[in-house]
Amino acid sequence: MNESVHAADVVRRYYDALRDGEPLEPFFRRSESTVKFGITEALFGYDDVATALRKQTETTTDWRVESHTLSVDERETFATYADEVTMAWIDTERDQEYEFDSRWSGTLVATEGDRDDGIPWAFATMHVSAPPER
């Protein structure tokens, strides 16, 4: 395992990539068992996740992602994470701004030897939800 890059670092890099409009699909495990639940979507399998993330990157801008309580439990071959995140962006197709207080959780798996892109952890599951308005 690449000891210099921890699972928490990869979660933070994902947030940075989202803010910067960079490709997000490289952060996900290339497997049919990969799952991503968003605020309005349920995606099953790497291909569906990658397609949706490419479209999201093409049709959104000005992302704000503020992590408040990132918690990561890293083991040798997997890690779990949870966070409360304030996020906002502009949907360029609808010319509309969105903002949510959200909850993120999921699992990353070690990718040592599986990939050549320098990302030693990949999201196997990601669940993003917004708590109901009170």
N, C-alpha and C. Protein backbone atom coordinates (compact mmCIF):
# COMPACT_ATOMS: atom_id res chain seq x y z
N MET A 1 0.84 -1.18 0.00
CA MET A 1 0.00 0.00 0.00
C MET A 1 0.88 1.24 0.00
N ASN A 2 0.50 2.24 -0.75
CA ASN A 2 1.21 3.50 -0.77
C ASN A 2 0.95 4.22 0.55
N GLU A 3 1.92 4.14 1.45
CA GLU A 3 1.75 4.67 2.80
C GLU A 3 1.64 6.19 2.82
N SER A 4 2.09 6.87 1.78
CA SER A 4 2.08 8.32 1.81
C SER A 4 0.71 8.92 1.45
N VAL A 5 -0.17 8.14 0.85
CA VAL A 5 -1.50 8.64 0.49
C VAL A 5 -2.54 7.79 1.21
N HIS A 6 -3.25 8.41 2.13
CA HIS A 6 -4.26 7.71 2.90
C HIS A 6 -5.63 7.88 2.26
N ALA A 7 -6.57 7.07 2.67
CA ALA A 7 -7.93 7.13 2.13
C ALA A 7 -8.53 8.53 2.34
N ALA A 8 -8.29 9.13 3.48
CA ALA A 8 -8.81 10.48 3.74
C ALA A 8 -8.26 11.49 2.73
N ASP A 9 -7.00 11.31 2.34
CA ASP A 9 -6.41 12.19 1.33
C ASP A 9 -7.16 12.07 0.00
N VAL A 10 -7.55 10.85 -0.34
CA VAL A 10 -8.26 10.62 -1.61
C VAL A 10 -9.66 11.25 -1.55
N VAL A 11 -10.33 11.17 -0.42
CA VAL A 11 -11.63 11.83 -0.28
C VAL A 11 -11.45 13.33 -0.48
N ARG A 12 -10.44 13.90 0.15
CA ARG A 12 -10.19 15.35 -0.01
C ARG A 12 -9.82 15.70 -1.45
N ARG A 13 -9.04 14.83 -2.11
CA ARG A 13 -8.70 15.05 -3.52
C ARG A 13 -9.95 15.03 -4.40
N TYR A 14 -10.89 14.14 -4.05
CA TYR A 14 -12.16 14.08 -4.79
C TYR A 14 -12.90 15.41 -4.64
N TYR A 15 -12.98 15.93 -3.42
CA TYR A 15 -13.62 17.23 -3.21
C TYR A 15 -12.93 18.31 -4.04
N ASP A 16 -11.60 18.30 -4.05
CA ASP A 16 -10.85 19.28 -4.84
C ASP A 16 -11.16 19.14 -6.33
N ALA A 17 -11.20 17.91 -6.82
CA ALA A 17 -11.49 17.68 -8.24
C ALA A 17 -12.89 18.16 -8.58
N LEU A 18 -13.83 17.96 -7.69
CA LEU A 18 -15.19 18.44 -7.90
C LEU A 18 -15.20 19.96 -7.99
N ARG A 19 -14.53 20.63 -7.06
CA ARG A 19 -14.44 22.09 -7.08
C ARG A 19 -13.79 22.61 -8.36
N ASP A 20 -12.76 21.90 -8.81
CA ASP A 20 -11.95 22.37 -9.94
C ASP A 20 -12.48 21.95 -11.30
N GLY A 21 -13.58 21.20 -11.34
CA GLY A 21 -14.15 20.76 -12.62
C GLY A 21 -13.32 19.70 -13.31
N GLU A 22 -12.53 18.95 -12.54
CA GLU A 22 -11.70 17.89 -13.11
C GLU A 22 -12.49 16.59 -13.21
N PRO A 23 -12.03 15.64 -14.01
CA PRO A 23 -12.72 14.34 -14.11
C PRO A 23 -12.84 13.66 -12.75
N LEU A 24 -14.02 13.11 -12.49
CA LEU A 24 -14.29 12.46 -11.21
C LEU A 24 -14.29 10.94 -11.31
N GLU A 25 -14.54 10.42 -12.49
CA GLU A 25 -14.65 8.96 -12.63
C GLU A 25 -13.37 8.20 -12.27
N PRO A 26 -12.16 8.79 -12.41
CA PRO A 26 -10.97 8.03 -12.00
C PRO A 26 -10.94 7.69 -10.51
N PHE A 27 -11.75 8.35 -9.72
CA PHE A 27 -11.77 8.09 -8.29
C PHE A 27 -12.61 6.86 -7.93
N PHE A 28 -13.31 6.29 -8.89
CA PHE A 28 -14.20 5.17 -8.61
C PHE A 28 -13.62 3.84 -9.08
N ARG A 29 -13.94 2.82 -8.35
CA ARG A 29 -13.50 1.46 -8.66
C ARG A 29 -14.13 1.02 -9.98
N ARG A 30 -13.33 0.46 -10.85
CA ARG A 30 -13.80 -0.01 -12.15
C ARG A 30 -14.37 -1.41 -12.00
N SER A 31 -15.63 -1.45 -11.52
CA SER A 31 -16.27 -2.72 -11.23
C SER A 31 -17.78 -2.59 -11.43
N GLU A 32 -18.39 -3.69 -11.80
CA GLU A 32 -19.86 -3.70 -11.92
C GLU A 32 -20.52 -3.57 -10.56
N SER A 33 -19.78 -3.82 -9.48
CA SER A 33 -20.36 -3.70 -8.14
C SER A 33 -20.26 -2.29 -7.56
N THR A 34 -19.64 -1.36 -8.28
CA THR A 34 -19.55 0.02 -7.82
C THR A 34 -20.94 0.65 -7.81
N VAL A 35 -21.23 1.39 -6.74
CA VAL A 35 -22.54 2.02 -6.58
C VAL A 35 -22.36 3.45 -6.11
N LYS A 36 -23.15 4.37 -6.71
CA LYS A 36 -23.16 5.76 -6.27
C LYS A 36 -24.60 6.22 -6.16
N PHE A 37 -24.98 6.61 -4.94
CA PHE A 37 -26.29 7.22 -4.72
C PHE A 37 -26.07 8.71 -4.54
N GLY A 38 -26.72 9.51 -5.36
CA GLY A 38 -26.67 10.95 -5.22
C GLY A 38 -27.98 11.45 -4.65
N ILE A 39 -28.12 12.75 -4.55
CA ILE A 39 -29.34 13.32 -4.00
C ILE A 39 -30.54 12.96 -4.87
N THR A 40 -30.34 12.84 -6.19
CA THR A 40 -31.46 12.54 -7.09
C THR A 40 -31.21 11.33 -7.97
N GLU A 41 -30.21 10.51 -7.68
CA GLU A 41 -29.89 9.42 -8.59
C GLU A 41 -29.41 8.18 -7.85
N ALA A 42 -29.53 7.05 -8.53
CA ALA A 42 -28.98 5.78 -8.06
C ALA A 42 -28.27 5.16 -9.25
N LEU A 43 -26.96 4.97 -9.14
CA LEU A 43 -26.15 4.48 -10.24
C LEU A 43 -25.50 3.16 -9.84
N PHE A 44 -25.61 2.17 -10.69
CA PHE A 44 -25.07 0.84 -10.41
C PHE A 44 -24.09 0.46 -11.50
N GLY A 45 -22.86 0.15 -11.11
CA GLY A 45 -21.82 -0.25 -12.04
C GLY A 45 -20.96 0.93 -12.45
N TYR A 46 -19.68 0.66 -12.65
CA TYR A 46 -18.74 1.73 -12.99
C TYR A 46 -19.15 2.48 -14.24
N ASP A 47 -19.61 1.79 -15.26
CA ASP A 47 -19.95 2.48 -16.51
C ASP A 47 -21.03 3.54 -16.30
N ASP A 48 -22.07 3.20 -15.55
CA ASP A 48 -23.14 4.16 -15.28
C ASP A 48 -22.64 5.32 -14.42
N VAL A 49 -21.82 5.01 -13.43
CA VAL A 49 -21.26 6.04 -12.56
C VAL A 49 -20.39 7.00 -13.39
N ALA A 50 -19.51 6.45 -14.21
CA ALA A 50 -18.60 7.26 -15.01
C ALA A 50 -19.36 8.15 -16.00
N THR A 51 -20.38 7.59 -16.65
CA THR A 51 -21.18 8.37 -17.60
C THR A 51 -21.86 9.54 -16.90
N ALA A 52 -22.48 9.28 -15.75
CA ALA A 52 -23.17 10.33 -15.00
C ALA A 52 -22.19 11.40 -14.51
N LEU A 53 -21.03 10.99 -14.05
CA LEU A 53 -20.06 11.97 -13.55
C LEU A 53 -19.51 12.84 -14.68
N ARG A 54 -19.28 12.24 -15.86
CA ARG A 54 -18.82 13.06 -17.00
C ARG A 54 -19.88 14.10 -17.36
N LYS A 55 -21.15 13.68 -17.39
CA LYS A 55 -22.23 14.63 -17.71
C LYS A 55 -22.31 15.72 -16.64
N GLN A 56 -22.19 15.33 -15.38
CA GLN A 56 -22.22 16.32 -14.29
C GLN A 56 -21.11 17.35 -14.47
N THR A 57 -19.92 16.89 -14.79
CA THR A 57 -18.79 17.81 -14.96
C THR A 57 -19.03 18.75 -16.14
N GLU A 58 -19.65 18.23 -17.20
CA GLU A 58 -19.91 19.04 -18.40
C GLU A 58 -21.02 20.07 -18.18
N THR A 59 -21.93 19.81 -17.27
CA THR A 59 -23.13 20.65 -17.16
C THR A 59 -23.23 21.42 -15.84
N THR A 60 -22.15 21.45 -15.07
CA THR A 60 -22.15 22.21 -13.82
C THR A 60 -20.87 23.02 -13.72
N THR A 61 -20.92 24.06 -12.89
CA THR A 61 -19.76 24.92 -12.69
C THR A 61 -19.84 25.56 -11.31
N ASP A 62 -18.77 26.23 -10.93
CA ASP A 62 -18.71 27.00 -9.69
C ASP A 62 -19.06 26.18 -8.45
N TRP A 63 -18.46 25.01 -8.35
CA TRP A 63 -18.72 24.14 -7.20
C TRP A 63 -18.09 24.72 -5.94
N ARG A 64 -18.86 24.63 -4.86
CA ARG A 64 -18.36 24.92 -3.52
C ARG A 64 -18.59 23.64 -2.72
N VAL A 65 -17.54 23.12 -2.12
CA VAL A 65 -17.62 21.89 -1.34
C VAL A 65 -16.88 22.15 -0.03
N GLU A 66 -17.66 22.17 1.07
CA GLU A 66 -17.07 22.46 2.38
C GLU A 66 -17.30 21.26 3.30
N SER A 67 -16.22 20.56 3.59
CA SER A 67 -16.26 19.41 4.49
C SER A 67 -16.29 19.90 5.93
N HIS A 68 -17.18 19.29 6.74
CA HIS A 68 -17.31 19.72 8.13
C HIS A 68 -16.87 18.66 9.15
N THR A 69 -17.10 17.38 8.84
CA THR A 69 -16.85 16.35 9.86
C THR A 69 -16.29 15.07 9.24
N LEU A 70 -15.33 15.19 8.35
CA LEU A 70 -14.81 14.00 7.68
C LEU A 70 -14.24 13.01 8.71
N SER A 71 -14.74 11.79 8.63
CA SER A 71 -14.28 10.71 9.49
C SER A 71 -13.95 9.53 8.59
N VAL A 72 -12.74 9.01 8.69
CA VAL A 72 -12.29 7.90 7.86
C VAL A 72 -11.69 6.83 8.75
N ASP A 73 -12.14 5.59 8.56
CA ASP A 73 -11.56 4.44 9.26
C ASP A 73 -10.85 3.61 8.20
N GLU A 74 -9.53 3.69 8.19
CA GLU A 74 -8.73 3.03 7.16
C GLU A 74 -8.16 1.72 7.68
N ARG A 75 -8.37 0.67 6.93
CA ARG A 75 -7.81 -0.65 7.22
C ARG A 75 -6.81 -0.97 6.11
N GLU A 76 -6.30 -2.16 6.10
CA GLU A 76 -5.27 -2.49 5.11
C GLU A 76 -5.79 -2.44 3.67
N THR A 77 -6.97 -2.98 3.42
CA THR A 77 -7.45 -3.08 2.03
C THR A 77 -8.74 -2.32 1.76
N PHE A 78 -9.33 -1.72 2.80
CA PHE A 78 -10.55 -0.94 2.60
C PHE A 78 -10.62 0.17 3.64
N ALA A 79 -11.49 1.14 3.37
CA ALA A 79 -11.72 2.23 4.32
C ALA A 79 -13.17 2.64 4.22
N THR A 80 -13.72 3.06 5.34
CA THR A 80 -15.06 3.64 5.34
C THR A 80 -14.93 5.12 5.63
N TYR A 81 -15.88 5.90 5.14
CA TYR A 81 -15.84 7.34 5.37
C TYR A 81 -17.25 7.87 5.58
N ALA A 82 -17.32 8.99 6.27
CA ALA A 82 -18.57 9.72 6.46
C ALA A 82 -18.21 11.19 6.62
N ASP A 83 -19.11 12.05 6.19
CA ASP A 83 -18.85 13.49 6.27
C ASP A 83 -20.17 14.24 6.18
N GLU A 84 -20.18 15.41 6.75
CA GLU A 84 -21.24 16.38 6.52
C GLU A 84 -20.63 17.45 5.64
N VAL A 85 -21.28 17.73 4.51
CA VAL A 85 -20.69 18.59 3.49
C VAL A 85 -21.72 19.63 3.04
N THR A 86 -21.32 20.88 3.06
CA THR A 86 -22.12 21.92 2.41
C THR A 86 -21.62 22.00 0.98
N MET A 87 -22.55 21.88 0.04
CA MET A 87 -22.13 21.94 -1.36
C MET A 87 -23.11 22.82 -2.15
N ALA A 88 -22.55 23.50 -3.12
CA ALA A 88 -23.33 24.37 -3.99
C ALA A 88 -22.71 24.35 -5.37
N TRP A 89 -23.52 24.56 -6.40
CA TRP A 89 -23.04 24.59 -7.77
C TRP A 89 -24.07 25.26 -8.65
N ILE A 90 -23.67 25.55 -9.88
CA ILE A 90 -24.58 26.09 -10.88
C ILE A 90 -24.78 25.04 -11.96
N ASP A 91 -26.02 24.75 -12.24
CA ASP A 91 -26.41 23.86 -13.35
C ASP A 91 -26.46 24.73 -14.59
N THR A 92 -25.53 24.52 -15.52
CA THR A 92 -25.43 25.39 -16.70
C THR A 92 -26.53 25.11 -17.72
N GLU A 93 -27.14 23.94 -17.71
CA GLU A 93 -28.24 23.65 -18.63
C GLU A 93 -29.52 24.37 -18.20
N ARG A 94 -29.73 24.46 -16.90
CA ARG A 94 -30.95 25.11 -16.38
C ARG A 94 -30.69 26.55 -15.93
N ASP A 95 -29.41 26.95 -15.92
CA ASP A 95 -29.01 28.26 -15.41
C ASP A 95 -29.60 28.48 -14.01
N GLN A 96 -29.37 27.48 -13.15
CA GLN A 96 -29.91 27.50 -11.79
C GLN A 96 -28.83 27.12 -10.80
N GLU A 97 -28.84 27.81 -9.66
CA GLU A 97 -27.89 27.49 -8.59
C GLU A 97 -28.56 26.60 -7.56
N TYR A 98 -27.79 25.63 -7.07
CA TYR A 98 -28.27 24.72 -6.03
C TYR A 98 -27.34 24.81 -4.84
N GLU A 99 -27.89 24.58 -3.65
CA GLU A 99 -27.08 24.49 -2.44
C GLU A 99 -27.74 23.50 -1.49
N PHE A 100 -26.94 22.62 -0.91
CA PHE A 100 -27.42 21.60 0.00
C PHE A 100 -26.46 21.44 1.17
N ASP A 101 -27.03 21.19 2.33
CA ASP A 101 -26.27 20.60 3.41
C ASP A 101 -26.47 19.11 3.21
N SER A 102 -25.40 18.38 3.06
CA SER A 102 -25.52 16.98 2.68
C SER A 102 -24.72 16.08 3.60
N ARG A 103 -25.01 14.79 3.48
CA ARG A 103 -24.30 13.76 4.24
C ARG A 103 -23.69 12.81 3.21
N TRP A 104 -22.44 12.47 3.41
CA TRP A 104 -21.72 11.57 2.51
C TRP A 104 -21.23 10.38 3.32
N SER A 105 -21.30 9.20 2.72
CA SER A 105 -20.73 8.01 3.36
C SER A 105 -20.43 6.98 2.30
N GLY A 106 -19.60 6.01 2.66
CA GLY A 106 -19.31 4.94 1.72
C GLY A 106 -18.04 4.19 2.07
N THR A 107 -17.54 3.51 1.03
CA THR A 107 -16.38 2.64 1.18
C THR A 107 -15.39 2.91 0.06
N LEU A 108 -14.12 2.91 0.42
CA LEU A 108 -13.04 2.93 -0.56
C LEU A 108 -12.30 1.61 -0.45
N VAL A 109 -11.73 1.17 -1.57
CA VAL A 109 -10.92 -0.05 -1.56
C VAL A 109 -9.53 0.29 -2.06
N ALA A 110 -8.55 -0.43 -1.54
CA ALA A 110 -7.16 -0.24 -1.96
C ALA A 110 -7.02 -0.67 -3.42
N THR A 111 -6.26 0.10 -4.19
CA THR A 111 -6.08 -0.20 -5.62
C THR A 111 -4.65 -0.51 -5.97
N GLU A 112 -3.80 -0.67 -4.97
CA GLU A 112 -2.38 -0.93 -5.22
C GLU A 112 -2.21 -2.04 -6.25
N GLY A 113 -1.52 -1.73 -7.33
CA GLY A 113 -1.27 -2.72 -8.37
C GLY A 113 -2.38 -2.84 -9.40
N ASP A 114 -3.56 -2.27 -9.10
CA ASP A 114 -4.69 -2.37 -10.02
C ASP A 114 -4.70 -1.26 -11.05
N ARG A 115 -4.07 -0.14 -10.74
CA ARG A 115 -4.21 1.04 -11.58
C ARG A 115 -2.86 1.71 -11.78
N ASP A 116 -2.81 2.57 -12.80
CA ASP A 116 -1.57 3.28 -13.07
C ASP A 116 -1.77 4.79 -12.98
N ASP A 117 -2.85 5.25 -12.36
CA ASP A 117 -3.13 6.68 -12.30
C ASP A 117 -2.71 7.34 -11.00
N GLY A 118 -2.06 6.59 -10.12
CA GLY A 118 -1.55 7.17 -8.89
C GLY A 118 -2.57 7.34 -7.79
N ILE A 119 -3.79 6.86 -7.97
CA ILE A 119 -4.80 6.95 -6.93
C ILE A 119 -4.84 5.60 -6.21
N PRO A 120 -4.32 5.53 -4.98
CA PRO A 120 -4.18 4.24 -4.31
C PRO A 120 -5.47 3.73 -3.64
N TRP A 121 -6.52 4.54 -3.66
CA TRP A 121 -7.82 4.14 -3.12
C TRP A 121 -8.89 4.53 -4.13
N ALA A 122 -9.95 3.73 -4.23
CA ALA A 122 -11.05 4.04 -5.14
C ALA A 122 -12.37 3.85 -4.41
N PHE A 123 -13.32 4.71 -4.72
CA PHE A 123 -14.64 4.57 -4.13
C PHE A 123 -15.32 3.33 -4.69
N ALA A 124 -15.73 2.44 -3.81
CA ALA A 124 -16.55 1.29 -4.21
C ALA A 124 -18.02 1.64 -4.03
N THR A 125 -18.31 2.43 -3.00
CA THR A 125 -19.66 2.95 -2.79
C THR A 125 -19.56 4.39 -2.35
N MET A 126 -20.55 5.17 -2.76
CA MET A 126 -20.68 6.55 -2.33
C MET A 126 -22.16 6.83 -2.19
N HIS A 127 -22.54 7.38 -1.05
CA HIS A 127 -23.92 7.74 -0.81
C HIS A 127 -23.95 9.19 -0.35
N VAL A 128 -24.62 10.02 -1.14
CA VAL A 128 -24.78 11.44 -0.82
C VAL A 128 -26.27 11.69 -0.66
N SER A 129 -26.65 12.24 0.48
CA SER A 129 -28.05 12.55 0.71
C SER A 129 -28.18 13.91 1.36
N ALA A 130 -29.36 14.47 1.25
CA ALA A 130 -29.66 15.75 1.89
C ALA A 130 -30.72 15.51 2.94
N PRO A 131 -30.47 15.94 4.18
CA PRO A 131 -31.48 15.74 5.21
C PRO A 131 -32.74 16.54 4.88
N PRO A 132 -33.89 16.07 5.33
CA PRO A 132 -35.13 16.80 5.05
C PRO A 132 -35.10 18.19 5.70
N GLU A 133 -35.75 19.11 5.05
CA GLU A 133 -35.86 20.48 5.61
C GLU A 133 -36.70 20.41 6.88
N ARG A 134 -36.31 21.20 7.86
CA ARG A 134 -37.07 21.21 9.13
C ARG A 134 -37.82 22.49 9.27
